[in-house]
N, C-alpha and C. Protein backbone atom coordinates (compact mmCIF):
# COMPACT_ATOMS: atom_id res chain seq x y z
N ILE A 1 3.45 -10.35 -9.14
CA ILE A 1 4.41 -10.23 -8.05
C ILE A 1 5.70 -10.95 -8.41
N SER A 2 5.57 -12.11 -9.06
CA SER A 2 6.76 -12.86 -9.47
C SER A 2 7.59 -12.05 -10.46
N ILE A 3 6.92 -11.33 -11.36
CA ILE A 3 7.63 -10.48 -12.32
C ILE A 3 8.40 -9.38 -11.59
N LEU A 4 7.76 -8.78 -10.57
CA LEU A 4 8.44 -7.75 -9.78
C LEU A 4 9.70 -8.29 -9.13
N ILE A 5 9.56 -9.46 -8.48
CA ILE A 5 10.70 -10.05 -7.77
C ILE A 5 11.81 -10.42 -8.75
N TYR A 6 11.43 -10.99 -9.89
CA TYR A 6 12.41 -11.37 -10.91
C TYR A 6 13.14 -10.13 -11.44
N SER A 7 12.46 -8.99 -11.43
CA SER A 7 13.05 -7.74 -11.92
C SER A 7 13.94 -7.07 -10.88
N GLY A 8 14.00 -7.63 -9.67
CA GLY A 8 14.89 -7.10 -8.65
C GLY A 8 14.22 -6.31 -7.56
N VAL A 9 12.88 -6.29 -7.53
CA VAL A 9 12.16 -5.59 -6.47
C VAL A 9 12.07 -6.53 -5.27
N SER A 10 12.75 -6.21 -4.18
CA SER A 10 12.72 -7.09 -3.01
C SER A 10 13.02 -6.29 -1.76
N VAL A 11 12.49 -6.76 -0.65
CA VAL A 11 12.75 -6.16 0.66
C VAL A 11 13.97 -6.84 1.26
N GLN A 12 15.03 -6.07 1.50
CA GLN A 12 16.26 -6.64 2.04
C GLN A 12 16.27 -6.64 3.57
N THR A 13 15.81 -5.55 4.14
CA THR A 13 15.78 -5.43 5.60
C THR A 13 14.53 -4.67 6.03
N ILE A 14 14.13 -4.87 7.28
CA ILE A 14 13.09 -4.03 7.88
C ILE A 14 13.58 -3.61 9.26
N GLY A 15 13.13 -2.44 9.69
CA GLY A 15 13.59 -1.90 10.97
C GLY A 15 13.07 -2.72 12.15
N ASN A 16 13.85 -2.71 13.20
CA ASN A 16 13.50 -3.39 14.45
C ASN A 16 13.72 -2.41 15.60
N PRO A 17 12.67 -1.95 16.28
CA PRO A 17 12.84 -0.94 17.33
C PRO A 17 13.59 -1.43 18.56
N PHE A 18 13.73 -2.74 18.69
CA PHE A 18 14.35 -3.30 19.89
C PHE A 18 15.79 -3.75 19.68
N SER A 19 16.23 -3.81 18.42
CA SER A 19 17.57 -4.29 18.14
C SER A 19 17.98 -3.84 16.74
N ASP A 20 18.96 -4.55 16.17
CA ASP A 20 19.39 -4.23 14.82
C ASP A 20 18.30 -4.57 13.81
N PRO A 21 18.34 -3.95 12.63
CA PRO A 21 17.34 -4.27 11.60
C PRO A 21 17.34 -5.75 11.26
N ILE A 22 16.16 -6.25 10.88
CA ILE A 22 16.04 -7.64 10.48
C ILE A 22 16.50 -7.77 9.04
N ASN A 23 17.51 -8.60 8.81
CA ASN A 23 18.09 -8.77 7.48
C ASN A 23 17.57 -10.08 6.89
N PHE A 24 16.96 -9.98 5.71
CA PHE A 24 16.39 -11.16 5.06
C PHE A 24 17.40 -11.87 4.15
N ASN A 25 18.62 -11.39 4.12
CA ASN A 25 19.64 -11.99 3.26
C ASN A 25 20.55 -12.91 4.05
N PHE A 26 20.04 -13.46 5.16
CA PHE A 26 20.87 -14.32 6.01
C PHE A 26 21.13 -15.69 5.38
N TYR A 27 20.31 -16.05 4.38
CA TYR A 27 20.49 -17.36 3.75
C TYR A 27 20.38 -17.18 2.24
N GLN A 28 21.27 -17.81 1.51
CA GLN A 28 21.26 -17.66 0.06
C GLN A 28 21.37 -19.02 -0.62
N LEU A 29 20.85 -19.07 -1.83
CA LEU A 29 20.91 -20.27 -2.64
C LEU A 29 21.52 -19.94 -4.00
N ASN A 30 22.23 -20.90 -4.55
CA ASN A 30 22.75 -20.76 -5.91
C ASN A 30 21.80 -21.52 -6.83
N LEU A 31 20.96 -20.75 -7.53
CA LEU A 31 19.93 -21.35 -8.37
C LEU A 31 20.23 -21.04 -9.83
N PHE A 32 20.64 -22.07 -10.56
CA PHE A 32 20.99 -21.90 -11.98
C PHE A 32 22.01 -20.77 -12.15
N TYR A 33 23.05 -20.83 -11.30
CA TYR A 33 24.16 -19.88 -11.35
C TYR A 33 23.76 -18.45 -10.98
N ASN A 34 22.62 -18.33 -10.30
CA ASN A 34 22.18 -17.03 -9.77
C ASN A 34 22.00 -17.14 -8.27
N ILE A 35 22.47 -16.12 -7.55
CA ILE A 35 22.31 -16.09 -6.10
C ILE A 35 20.94 -15.54 -5.76
N VAL A 36 20.15 -16.29 -5.03
CA VAL A 36 18.82 -15.85 -4.61
C VAL A 36 18.73 -15.93 -3.09
N TYR A 37 17.86 -15.08 -2.53
CA TYR A 37 17.67 -15.03 -1.08
C TYR A 37 16.23 -15.42 -0.76
N PRO A 38 16.00 -16.67 -0.38
CA PRO A 38 14.62 -17.16 -0.20
C PRO A 38 13.80 -16.36 0.80
N ALA A 39 14.38 -15.95 1.93
CA ALA A 39 13.62 -15.21 2.94
C ALA A 39 13.18 -13.86 2.41
N SER A 40 14.06 -13.19 1.67
CA SER A 40 13.73 -11.90 1.08
C SER A 40 12.61 -12.05 0.05
N ILE A 41 12.70 -13.08 -0.78
CA ILE A 41 11.69 -13.32 -1.81
C ILE A 41 10.34 -13.61 -1.17
N LEU A 42 10.34 -14.46 -0.13
CA LEU A 42 9.08 -14.83 0.53
C LEU A 42 8.43 -13.62 1.19
N PHE A 43 9.23 -12.82 1.91
CA PHE A 43 8.65 -11.65 2.59
C PHE A 43 8.13 -10.65 1.56
N THR A 44 8.88 -10.42 0.49
CA THR A 44 8.45 -9.49 -0.56
C THR A 44 7.14 -9.94 -1.18
N PHE A 45 7.04 -11.25 -1.47
CA PHE A 45 5.82 -11.78 -2.07
C PHE A 45 4.62 -11.55 -1.15
N ILE A 46 4.78 -11.87 0.13
CA ILE A 46 3.69 -11.70 1.09
C ILE A 46 3.33 -10.23 1.26
N TRP A 47 4.36 -9.36 1.32
CA TRP A 47 4.13 -7.93 1.52
C TRP A 47 3.35 -7.32 0.36
N VAL A 48 3.78 -7.61 -0.88
CA VAL A 48 3.11 -7.04 -2.06
C VAL A 48 1.69 -7.58 -2.16
N LEU A 49 1.52 -8.89 -1.91
CA LEU A 49 0.18 -9.48 -1.95
C LEU A 49 -0.73 -8.85 -0.90
N TRP A 50 -0.17 -8.57 0.28
CA TRP A 50 -0.94 -7.95 1.36
C TRP A 50 -1.37 -6.54 0.98
N ILE A 51 -0.45 -5.75 0.42
CA ILE A 51 -0.77 -4.38 0.00
C ILE A 51 -1.85 -4.38 -1.08
N ILE A 52 -1.73 -5.28 -2.05
CA ILE A 52 -2.73 -5.36 -3.12
C ILE A 52 -4.11 -5.61 -2.54
N ASN A 53 -4.21 -6.56 -1.62
CA ASN A 53 -5.51 -6.93 -1.09
C ASN A 53 -6.08 -5.90 -0.14
N LEU A 54 -5.24 -5.32 0.73
CA LEU A 54 -5.79 -4.33 1.67
C LEU A 54 -6.28 -3.09 0.93
N LEU A 55 -5.60 -2.75 -0.17
CA LEU A 55 -6.06 -1.61 -0.97
C LEU A 55 -7.34 -1.97 -1.72
N SER A 56 -7.38 -3.19 -2.28
CA SER A 56 -8.57 -3.60 -3.02
C SER A 56 -9.79 -3.66 -2.11
N TRP A 57 -9.58 -4.05 -0.86
CA TRP A 57 -10.69 -4.11 0.09
C TRP A 57 -11.18 -2.71 0.46
N SER A 58 -10.39 -1.69 0.16
CA SER A 58 -10.82 -0.31 0.42
C SER A 58 -11.40 0.32 -0.84
N ASN A 59 -11.98 -0.50 -1.66
CA ASN A 59 -12.60 -0.04 -2.91
C ASN A 59 -14.09 -0.35 -2.85
N GLY A 60 -14.71 0.03 -1.72
CA GLY A 60 -16.08 -0.38 -1.47
C GLY A 60 -17.14 0.63 -1.86
N VAL A 61 -16.79 1.92 -1.89
CA VAL A 61 -17.78 2.93 -2.26
C VAL A 61 -17.18 3.84 -3.34
N ASP A 62 -18.04 4.53 -4.06
CA ASP A 62 -17.60 5.38 -5.17
C ASP A 62 -16.61 6.44 -4.70
N GLY A 63 -15.49 6.55 -5.44
CA GLY A 63 -14.53 7.59 -5.18
C GLY A 63 -13.52 7.28 -4.08
N GLN A 64 -13.79 6.29 -3.27
CA GLN A 64 -12.93 5.96 -2.13
C GLN A 64 -11.52 5.58 -2.58
N TYR A 65 -11.43 4.65 -3.51
CA TYR A 65 -10.14 4.09 -3.91
C TYR A 65 -9.29 5.09 -4.67
N SER A 66 -9.90 5.84 -5.56
CA SER A 66 -9.15 6.81 -6.37
C SER A 66 -8.43 7.82 -5.47
N GLY A 67 -9.13 8.30 -4.43
CA GLY A 67 -8.51 9.27 -3.53
C GLY A 67 -7.37 8.68 -2.73
N ILE A 68 -7.54 7.45 -2.25
CA ILE A 68 -6.48 6.79 -1.46
C ILE A 68 -5.22 6.63 -2.30
N ILE A 69 -5.37 6.12 -3.52
CA ILE A 69 -4.20 5.90 -4.39
C ILE A 69 -3.54 7.23 -4.76
N THR A 70 -4.35 8.25 -5.04
CA THR A 70 -3.80 9.56 -5.38
C THR A 70 -2.95 10.11 -4.25
N ILE A 71 -3.50 10.14 -3.05
CA ILE A 71 -2.79 10.73 -1.90
C ILE A 71 -1.57 9.89 -1.53
N ALA A 72 -1.71 8.56 -1.51
CA ALA A 72 -0.58 7.70 -1.17
C ALA A 72 0.54 7.85 -2.19
N GLY A 73 0.19 7.96 -3.47
CA GLY A 73 1.21 8.14 -4.50
C GLY A 73 1.96 9.46 -4.35
N ILE A 74 1.24 10.52 -4.02
CA ILE A 74 1.88 11.82 -3.81
C ILE A 74 2.83 11.77 -2.60
N VAL A 75 2.36 11.15 -1.51
CA VAL A 75 3.19 11.05 -0.31
C VAL A 75 4.47 10.27 -0.59
N ILE A 76 4.34 9.14 -1.28
CA ILE A 76 5.52 8.32 -1.60
C ILE A 76 6.47 9.07 -2.51
N SER A 77 5.94 9.88 -3.44
CA SER A 77 6.81 10.66 -4.31
C SER A 77 7.62 11.68 -3.52
N PHE A 78 6.98 12.33 -2.53
CA PHE A 78 7.71 13.26 -1.67
C PHE A 78 8.75 12.54 -0.83
N LEU A 79 8.39 11.35 -0.33
CA LEU A 79 9.33 10.58 0.47
C LEU A 79 10.55 10.15 -0.36
N SER A 80 10.34 9.90 -1.64
CA SER A 80 11.46 9.52 -2.51
C SER A 80 12.44 10.66 -2.71
N LEU A 81 11.97 11.90 -2.54
CA LEU A 81 12.81 13.08 -2.79
C LEU A 81 13.24 13.77 -1.51
N ARG A 82 13.12 13.05 -0.37
CA ARG A 82 13.36 13.70 0.92
C ARG A 82 14.83 13.88 1.26
N PHE A 83 15.72 13.19 0.54
CA PHE A 83 17.14 13.27 0.85
C PHE A 83 17.77 14.50 0.21
N ILE A 84 18.84 14.98 0.82
CA ILE A 84 19.56 16.14 0.28
C ILE A 84 20.18 15.79 -1.07
N ASN A 85 20.86 14.64 -1.12
CA ASN A 85 21.46 14.18 -2.36
C ASN A 85 20.51 13.18 -3.02
N VAL A 86 19.71 13.66 -3.95
CA VAL A 86 18.72 12.81 -4.61
C VAL A 86 19.36 12.14 -5.82
N SER A 87 19.28 10.80 -5.86
CA SER A 87 19.87 10.06 -6.97
C SER A 87 18.89 9.97 -8.14
N ASP A 88 19.39 9.51 -9.27
CA ASP A 88 18.52 9.32 -10.45
C ASP A 88 17.45 8.27 -10.14
N LEU A 89 17.81 7.26 -9.35
CA LEU A 89 16.84 6.23 -8.98
C LEU A 89 15.70 6.83 -8.15
N ASP A 90 16.05 7.72 -7.21
CA ASP A 90 15.02 8.37 -6.40
C ASP A 90 14.08 9.21 -7.27
N ILE A 91 14.66 9.90 -8.24
CA ILE A 91 13.85 10.73 -9.14
C ILE A 91 12.90 9.86 -9.96
N ASN A 92 13.41 8.73 -10.47
CA ASN A 92 12.57 7.82 -11.25
C ASN A 92 11.44 7.24 -10.39
N ASN A 93 11.77 6.89 -9.14
CA ASN A 93 10.74 6.36 -8.23
C ASN A 93 9.67 7.41 -7.95
N ALA A 94 10.10 8.65 -7.76
CA ALA A 94 9.15 9.74 -7.53
C ALA A 94 8.26 9.94 -8.75
N LYS A 95 8.83 9.84 -9.94
CA LYS A 95 8.05 9.97 -11.17
C LYS A 95 7.00 8.86 -11.27
N LEU A 96 7.42 7.62 -10.97
CA LEU A 96 6.49 6.49 -11.02
C LEU A 96 5.35 6.68 -10.03
N ALA A 97 5.69 7.16 -8.84
CA ALA A 97 4.67 7.38 -7.81
C ALA A 97 3.69 8.46 -8.22
N ILE A 98 4.20 9.54 -8.80
CA ILE A 98 3.32 10.65 -9.17
C ILE A 98 2.49 10.29 -10.42
N ILE A 99 3.04 9.45 -11.30
CA ILE A 99 2.27 8.96 -12.45
C ILE A 99 1.10 8.09 -11.96
N THR A 100 1.38 7.23 -10.99
CA THR A 100 0.32 6.39 -10.41
C THR A 100 -0.75 7.27 -9.77
N ALA A 101 -0.31 8.28 -9.03
CA ALA A 101 -1.26 9.21 -8.41
C ALA A 101 -2.06 9.95 -9.46
N GLY A 102 -1.41 10.39 -10.54
CA GLY A 102 -2.10 11.11 -11.60
C GLY A 102 -3.13 10.25 -12.32
N ALA A 103 -2.79 8.98 -12.53
CA ALA A 103 -3.73 8.07 -13.18
C ALA A 103 -4.98 7.90 -12.32
N ALA A 104 -4.76 7.74 -11.00
CA ALA A 104 -5.89 7.58 -10.08
C ALA A 104 -6.72 8.86 -10.01
N LEU A 105 -6.04 10.02 -9.99
CA LEU A 105 -6.75 11.30 -9.94
C LEU A 105 -7.57 11.51 -11.21
N GLY A 106 -7.03 11.06 -12.35
CA GLY A 106 -7.76 11.19 -13.60
C GLY A 106 -9.04 10.37 -13.63
N LEU A 107 -9.06 9.29 -12.86
CA LEU A 107 -10.26 8.45 -12.79
C LEU A 107 -11.28 8.98 -11.79
N LEU A 108 -10.83 9.86 -10.89
CA LEU A 108 -11.71 10.30 -9.80
C LEU A 108 -13.04 10.90 -10.28
N PRO A 109 -13.04 11.80 -11.28
CA PRO A 109 -14.33 12.36 -11.71
C PRO A 109 -15.31 11.30 -12.21
N TYR A 110 -14.79 10.17 -12.69
CA TYR A 110 -15.65 9.13 -13.25
C TYR A 110 -16.04 8.08 -12.21
N THR A 111 -15.28 8.01 -11.10
CA THR A 111 -15.61 7.04 -10.05
C THR A 111 -16.30 7.71 -8.86
N TRP A 112 -16.41 9.04 -8.91
CA TRP A 112 -17.10 9.78 -7.83
C TRP A 112 -18.60 9.47 -7.89
N ASN A 113 -19.21 9.44 -6.74
CA ASN A 113 -20.63 9.09 -6.64
C ASN A 113 -21.55 10.10 -7.35
N PRO A 114 -22.43 9.67 -8.25
CA PRO A 114 -22.63 8.29 -8.72
C PRO A 114 -21.60 7.94 -9.81
N SER A 115 -20.94 6.82 -9.66
CA SER A 115 -19.83 6.47 -10.55
C SER A 115 -20.31 6.10 -11.95
N LYS A 116 -19.47 6.45 -12.92
CA LYS A 116 -19.75 6.11 -14.32
C LYS A 116 -19.00 4.85 -14.74
N ILE A 117 -17.85 4.62 -14.09
CA ILE A 117 -17.05 3.41 -14.36
C ILE A 117 -16.57 2.87 -13.02
N MET A 118 -16.08 1.63 -13.05
CA MET A 118 -15.52 1.01 -11.85
C MET A 118 -14.07 0.61 -12.10
N TRP A 119 -13.30 0.54 -11.04
CA TRP A 119 -11.88 0.21 -11.17
C TRP A 119 -11.68 -1.21 -11.70
N GLY A 120 -12.46 -2.15 -11.21
CA GLY A 120 -12.25 -3.54 -11.61
C GLY A 120 -10.86 -4.00 -11.22
N PHE A 121 -10.20 -4.75 -12.11
CA PHE A 121 -8.87 -5.26 -11.80
C PHE A 121 -7.79 -4.18 -11.95
N GLY A 122 -8.20 -2.99 -12.40
CA GLY A 122 -7.26 -1.87 -12.37
C GLY A 122 -6.83 -1.55 -10.96
N ALA A 123 -7.68 -1.87 -9.99
CA ALA A 123 -7.34 -1.65 -8.59
C ALA A 123 -6.12 -2.47 -8.19
N THR A 124 -6.03 -3.68 -8.74
CA THR A 124 -4.87 -4.53 -8.48
C THR A 124 -3.60 -3.91 -9.05
N SER A 125 -3.70 -3.35 -10.26
CA SER A 125 -2.53 -2.72 -10.89
C SER A 125 -2.01 -1.57 -10.05
N ALA A 126 -2.92 -0.75 -9.54
CA ALA A 126 -2.50 0.37 -8.70
C ALA A 126 -1.84 -0.12 -7.41
N GLY A 127 -2.37 -1.20 -6.84
CA GLY A 127 -1.77 -1.77 -5.63
C GLY A 127 -0.37 -2.30 -5.87
N VAL A 128 -0.19 -2.98 -7.00
CA VAL A 128 1.14 -3.49 -7.37
C VAL A 128 2.13 -2.33 -7.52
N ALA A 129 1.69 -1.28 -8.20
CA ALA A 129 2.57 -0.12 -8.43
C ALA A 129 2.99 0.52 -7.12
N LEU A 130 2.04 0.77 -6.22
CA LEU A 130 2.39 1.41 -4.94
C LEU A 130 3.28 0.52 -4.09
N ALA A 131 2.99 -0.78 -4.05
CA ALA A 131 3.80 -1.70 -3.26
C ALA A 131 5.24 -1.74 -3.77
N ALA A 132 5.39 -1.80 -5.10
CA ALA A 132 6.73 -1.85 -5.69
C ALA A 132 7.50 -0.56 -5.46
N ILE A 133 6.82 0.57 -5.64
CA ILE A 133 7.50 1.87 -5.48
C ILE A 133 7.91 2.09 -4.03
N SER A 134 7.07 1.64 -3.08
CA SER A 134 7.41 1.82 -1.67
C SER A 134 8.66 1.04 -1.31
N ILE A 135 8.89 -0.10 -1.97
CA ILE A 135 10.10 -0.89 -1.74
C ILE A 135 11.29 -0.24 -2.43
N LEU A 136 11.13 0.13 -3.68
CA LEU A 136 12.23 0.70 -4.46
C LEU A 136 12.72 2.02 -3.90
N SER A 137 11.79 2.82 -3.36
CA SER A 137 12.17 4.16 -2.91
C SER A 137 12.64 4.18 -1.46
N SER A 138 12.81 3.00 -0.87
CA SER A 138 13.26 2.91 0.53
C SER A 138 12.34 3.70 1.46
N THR A 139 11.05 3.67 1.15
CA THR A 139 10.07 4.36 1.98
C THR A 139 9.98 3.72 3.36
N LYS A 140 10.36 2.45 3.44
CA LYS A 140 10.35 1.65 4.65
C LYS A 140 8.96 1.09 4.93
N ILE A 141 8.97 -0.13 5.41
CA ILE A 141 7.72 -0.85 5.65
C ILE A 141 6.86 -0.10 6.66
N SER A 142 7.48 0.36 7.75
CA SER A 142 6.71 1.02 8.81
C SER A 142 6.06 2.30 8.31
N ILE A 143 6.74 3.05 7.45
CA ILE A 143 6.18 4.28 6.90
C ILE A 143 5.05 3.96 5.93
N SER A 144 5.22 2.89 5.14
CA SER A 144 4.16 2.48 4.22
C SER A 144 2.90 2.09 4.98
N VAL A 145 3.08 1.38 6.10
CA VAL A 145 1.94 1.01 6.95
C VAL A 145 1.26 2.26 7.49
N LEU A 146 2.05 3.25 7.90
CA LEU A 146 1.49 4.47 8.47
C LEU A 146 0.65 5.23 7.45
N VAL A 147 1.14 5.33 6.22
CA VAL A 147 0.40 6.03 5.16
C VAL A 147 -0.95 5.35 4.92
N LEU A 148 -0.95 4.03 4.93
CA LEU A 148 -2.15 3.24 4.63
C LEU A 148 -2.74 2.63 5.89
N LEU A 149 -2.64 3.35 7.00
CA LEU A 149 -3.01 2.79 8.30
C LEU A 149 -4.47 2.35 8.37
N ILE A 150 -5.40 3.17 7.87
CA ILE A 150 -6.82 2.84 7.95
C ILE A 150 -7.12 1.58 7.13
N PRO A 151 -6.73 1.51 5.84
CA PRO A 151 -6.95 0.26 5.08
C PRO A 151 -6.21 -0.93 5.70
N PHE A 152 -5.00 -0.67 6.23
CA PHE A 152 -4.19 -1.74 6.83
C PHE A 152 -4.91 -2.35 8.02
N MET A 153 -5.38 -1.51 8.94
CA MET A 153 -6.05 -2.00 10.14
C MET A 153 -7.39 -2.63 9.78
N ASP A 154 -8.09 -2.06 8.81
CA ASP A 154 -9.35 -2.63 8.37
C ASP A 154 -9.16 -4.05 7.87
N ALA A 155 -8.13 -4.26 7.02
CA ALA A 155 -7.85 -5.59 6.48
C ALA A 155 -7.43 -6.56 7.58
N LEU A 156 -6.58 -6.10 8.49
CA LEU A 156 -6.08 -6.96 9.57
C LEU A 156 -7.22 -7.40 10.48
N ILE A 157 -8.06 -6.44 10.89
CA ILE A 157 -9.19 -6.75 11.77
C ILE A 157 -10.20 -7.66 11.06
N THR A 158 -10.41 -7.43 9.76
CA THR A 158 -11.34 -8.25 8.99
C THR A 158 -10.90 -9.70 8.97
N ILE A 159 -9.62 -9.94 8.71
CA ILE A 159 -9.10 -11.31 8.66
C ILE A 159 -9.22 -11.98 10.03
N ILE A 160 -8.83 -11.26 11.10
CA ILE A 160 -8.92 -11.82 12.45
C ILE A 160 -10.37 -12.14 12.81
N ARG A 161 -11.27 -11.21 12.48
CA ARG A 161 -12.70 -11.41 12.79
C ARG A 161 -13.25 -12.64 12.07
N ARG A 162 -12.90 -12.81 10.81
CA ARG A 162 -13.40 -13.96 10.05
C ARG A 162 -12.86 -15.27 10.61
N ILE A 163 -11.58 -15.27 10.99
CA ILE A 163 -11.01 -16.49 11.56
C ILE A 163 -11.68 -16.83 12.89
N LEU A 164 -11.89 -15.82 13.74
CA LEU A 164 -12.55 -16.05 15.03
C LEU A 164 -13.98 -16.54 14.85
N ASN A 165 -14.62 -16.10 13.76
CA ASN A 165 -15.99 -16.54 13.47
C ASN A 165 -16.03 -17.82 12.64
N LYS A 166 -14.83 -18.43 12.46
CA LYS A 166 -14.70 -19.69 11.71
C LYS A 166 -15.20 -19.55 10.28
N GLN A 167 -14.88 -18.40 9.69
CA GLN A 167 -15.22 -18.13 8.30
C GLN A 167 -13.95 -18.16 7.46
N ASN A 168 -14.12 -18.30 6.16
CA ASN A 168 -12.99 -18.20 5.24
C ASN A 168 -12.47 -16.76 5.28
N PRO A 169 -11.20 -16.54 5.70
CA PRO A 169 -10.70 -15.16 5.82
C PRO A 169 -10.63 -14.39 4.52
N LEU A 170 -10.71 -15.10 3.38
CA LEU A 170 -10.62 -14.45 2.07
C LEU A 170 -11.98 -14.34 1.39
N LYS A 171 -13.04 -14.81 2.05
CA LYS A 171 -14.36 -14.71 1.46
C LYS A 171 -15.02 -13.41 1.87
N GLY A 172 -15.54 -12.67 0.91
CA GLY A 172 -16.08 -11.34 1.15
C GLY A 172 -17.29 -11.34 2.06
N ASP A 173 -17.45 -10.24 2.77
CA ASP A 173 -18.64 -10.00 3.59
C ASP A 173 -18.87 -8.50 3.68
N ARG A 174 -19.82 -8.11 4.49
CA ARG A 174 -20.13 -6.68 4.65
C ARG A 174 -19.70 -6.20 6.03
N GLY A 175 -18.48 -6.57 6.41
CA GLY A 175 -17.97 -6.18 7.72
C GLY A 175 -16.81 -5.22 7.68
N HIS A 176 -16.47 -4.72 6.48
CA HIS A 176 -15.38 -3.75 6.37
C HIS A 176 -15.82 -2.41 6.98
N LEU A 177 -14.84 -1.56 7.23
CA LEU A 177 -15.11 -0.27 7.86
C LEU A 177 -16.12 0.54 7.06
N HIS A 178 -15.97 0.58 5.73
CA HIS A 178 -16.91 1.38 4.94
C HIS A 178 -18.33 0.81 5.01
N HIS A 179 -18.46 -0.51 5.17
CA HIS A 179 -19.78 -1.11 5.36
C HIS A 179 -20.38 -0.69 6.70
N LEU A 180 -19.53 -0.69 7.74
CA LEU A 180 -20.02 -0.30 9.07
C LEU A 180 -20.46 1.16 9.08
N LEU A 181 -19.71 2.00 8.35
CA LEU A 181 -20.09 3.42 8.27
C LEU A 181 -21.40 3.59 7.50
N LEU A 182 -21.58 2.80 6.45
CA LEU A 182 -22.85 2.84 5.71
C LEU A 182 -24.01 2.44 6.63
N ASN A 183 -23.78 1.43 7.45
CA ASN A 183 -24.83 0.98 8.38
C ASN A 183 -25.15 2.05 9.43
N ARG A 184 -24.18 2.92 9.71
CA ARG A 184 -24.40 4.00 10.69
C ARG A 184 -25.04 5.24 10.05
N GLY A 185 -25.31 5.17 8.77
CA GLY A 185 -26.02 6.27 8.12
C GLY A 185 -25.14 7.18 7.27
N TRP A 186 -23.85 6.90 7.18
CA TRP A 186 -22.99 7.70 6.31
C TRP A 186 -23.34 7.40 4.85
N ASN A 187 -23.18 8.41 3.99
CA ASN A 187 -23.37 8.15 2.57
C ASN A 187 -22.01 7.93 1.90
N ALA A 188 -22.04 7.51 0.64
CA ALA A 188 -20.80 7.15 -0.07
C ALA A 188 -19.82 8.31 -0.14
N LYS A 189 -20.31 9.51 -0.37
CA LYS A 189 -19.43 10.67 -0.49
C LYS A 189 -18.73 10.97 0.84
N GLN A 190 -19.46 10.87 1.94
CA GLN A 190 -18.87 11.12 3.26
C GLN A 190 -17.79 10.09 3.57
N ILE A 191 -18.04 8.84 3.24
CA ILE A 191 -17.06 7.78 3.50
C ILE A 191 -15.80 7.99 2.66
N ALA A 192 -15.99 8.33 1.39
CA ALA A 192 -14.85 8.57 0.51
C ALA A 192 -13.98 9.70 1.05
N VAL A 193 -14.61 10.80 1.44
CA VAL A 193 -13.86 11.96 1.97
C VAL A 193 -13.16 11.58 3.28
N PHE A 194 -13.83 10.79 4.12
CA PHE A 194 -13.20 10.33 5.37
C PHE A 194 -11.91 9.55 5.08
N TYR A 195 -11.96 8.65 4.11
CA TYR A 195 -10.77 7.86 3.75
C TYR A 195 -9.69 8.76 3.17
N TRP A 196 -10.07 9.72 2.34
CA TRP A 196 -9.08 10.65 1.79
C TRP A 196 -8.41 11.43 2.91
N PHE A 197 -9.23 12.00 3.80
CA PHE A 197 -8.70 12.85 4.86
C PHE A 197 -7.78 12.06 5.79
N SER A 198 -8.20 10.84 6.15
CA SER A 198 -7.38 10.04 7.04
C SER A 198 -6.06 9.64 6.37
N THR A 199 -6.11 9.33 5.07
CA THR A 199 -4.88 9.00 4.34
C THR A 199 -3.97 10.22 4.25
N LEU A 200 -4.55 11.40 4.05
CA LEU A 200 -3.77 12.63 3.99
C LEU A 200 -3.09 12.92 5.32
N VAL A 201 -3.83 12.78 6.42
CA VAL A 201 -3.27 13.03 7.75
C VAL A 201 -2.16 12.02 8.06
N MET A 202 -2.43 10.74 7.79
CA MET A 202 -1.42 9.70 8.05
C MET A 202 -0.20 9.90 7.16
N GLY A 203 -0.43 10.33 5.92
CA GLY A 203 0.69 10.59 5.01
C GLY A 203 1.56 11.74 5.49
N PHE A 204 0.92 12.78 6.04
CA PHE A 204 1.67 13.92 6.58
C PHE A 204 2.50 13.49 7.78
N ILE A 205 1.89 12.69 8.65
CA ILE A 205 2.63 12.18 9.81
C ILE A 205 3.77 11.28 9.37
N ALA A 206 3.53 10.45 8.34
CA ALA A 206 4.57 9.56 7.82
C ALA A 206 5.74 10.36 7.27
N TYR A 207 5.44 11.45 6.57
CA TYR A 207 6.51 12.29 6.01
C TYR A 207 7.35 12.90 7.13
N LEU A 208 6.69 13.39 8.18
CA LEU A 208 7.42 13.97 9.31
C LEU A 208 8.19 12.91 10.09
N SER A 209 7.71 11.66 10.06
CA SER A 209 8.31 10.59 10.86
C SER A 209 9.42 9.85 10.13
N SER A 210 9.55 10.07 8.82
CA SER A 210 10.53 9.31 8.06
C SER A 210 11.94 9.57 8.55
N ASP A 211 12.72 8.48 8.59
CA ASP A 211 14.13 8.53 9.00
C ASP A 211 14.32 8.93 10.46
N LYS A 212 13.26 8.83 11.25
CA LYS A 212 13.39 9.07 12.70
C LYS A 212 13.26 7.73 13.41
N ASP A 213 13.63 7.69 14.69
CA ASP A 213 13.52 6.46 15.46
C ASP A 213 12.08 5.98 15.46
N LEU A 214 11.93 4.68 15.30
CA LEU A 214 10.59 4.10 15.18
C LEU A 214 9.74 4.39 16.42
């Protein structure tokens, strides 16, 4: 994440439905003859770390993660090209998003139930890529949340539940949505397809909702 921020990947503003957008560049520091914006850096760090973890937590059953990354990458690539006047930067962002999606899709036959390989820390790499591209392509925080709504809500509810139960919010358990579905009798393939379908529906809604009032 530090490498991303040092390379210039940062969230400058986020939308506010009740007033003007929230600008994170309200305070600046001169650090070794470079102007830095502490609030922007802090929010970007937290946002990317959050995306990495919520996606990694949705890597619980075979095939689940590959489909989510594939669909989210495709949606973000379309969002990068949604403007009439597409810049070279938008085209590059779309390429990065579709490459990420293609890499995940290439792994799908091997991670489908019964899986032959596991993502491991590759899941973190995919999360970093999607988080960075969503910032660079001006996809907007709210649209990124909408595309990843199911993993987002699962992670948020998991953390709140653990805190209320006086547990370590970062210590793993079997209370994620895919675990609850397994307990209800769903099999791994059904859960994976459910996550794919929900991501696809949310991605379609996000595409239609982009650049409209929140």
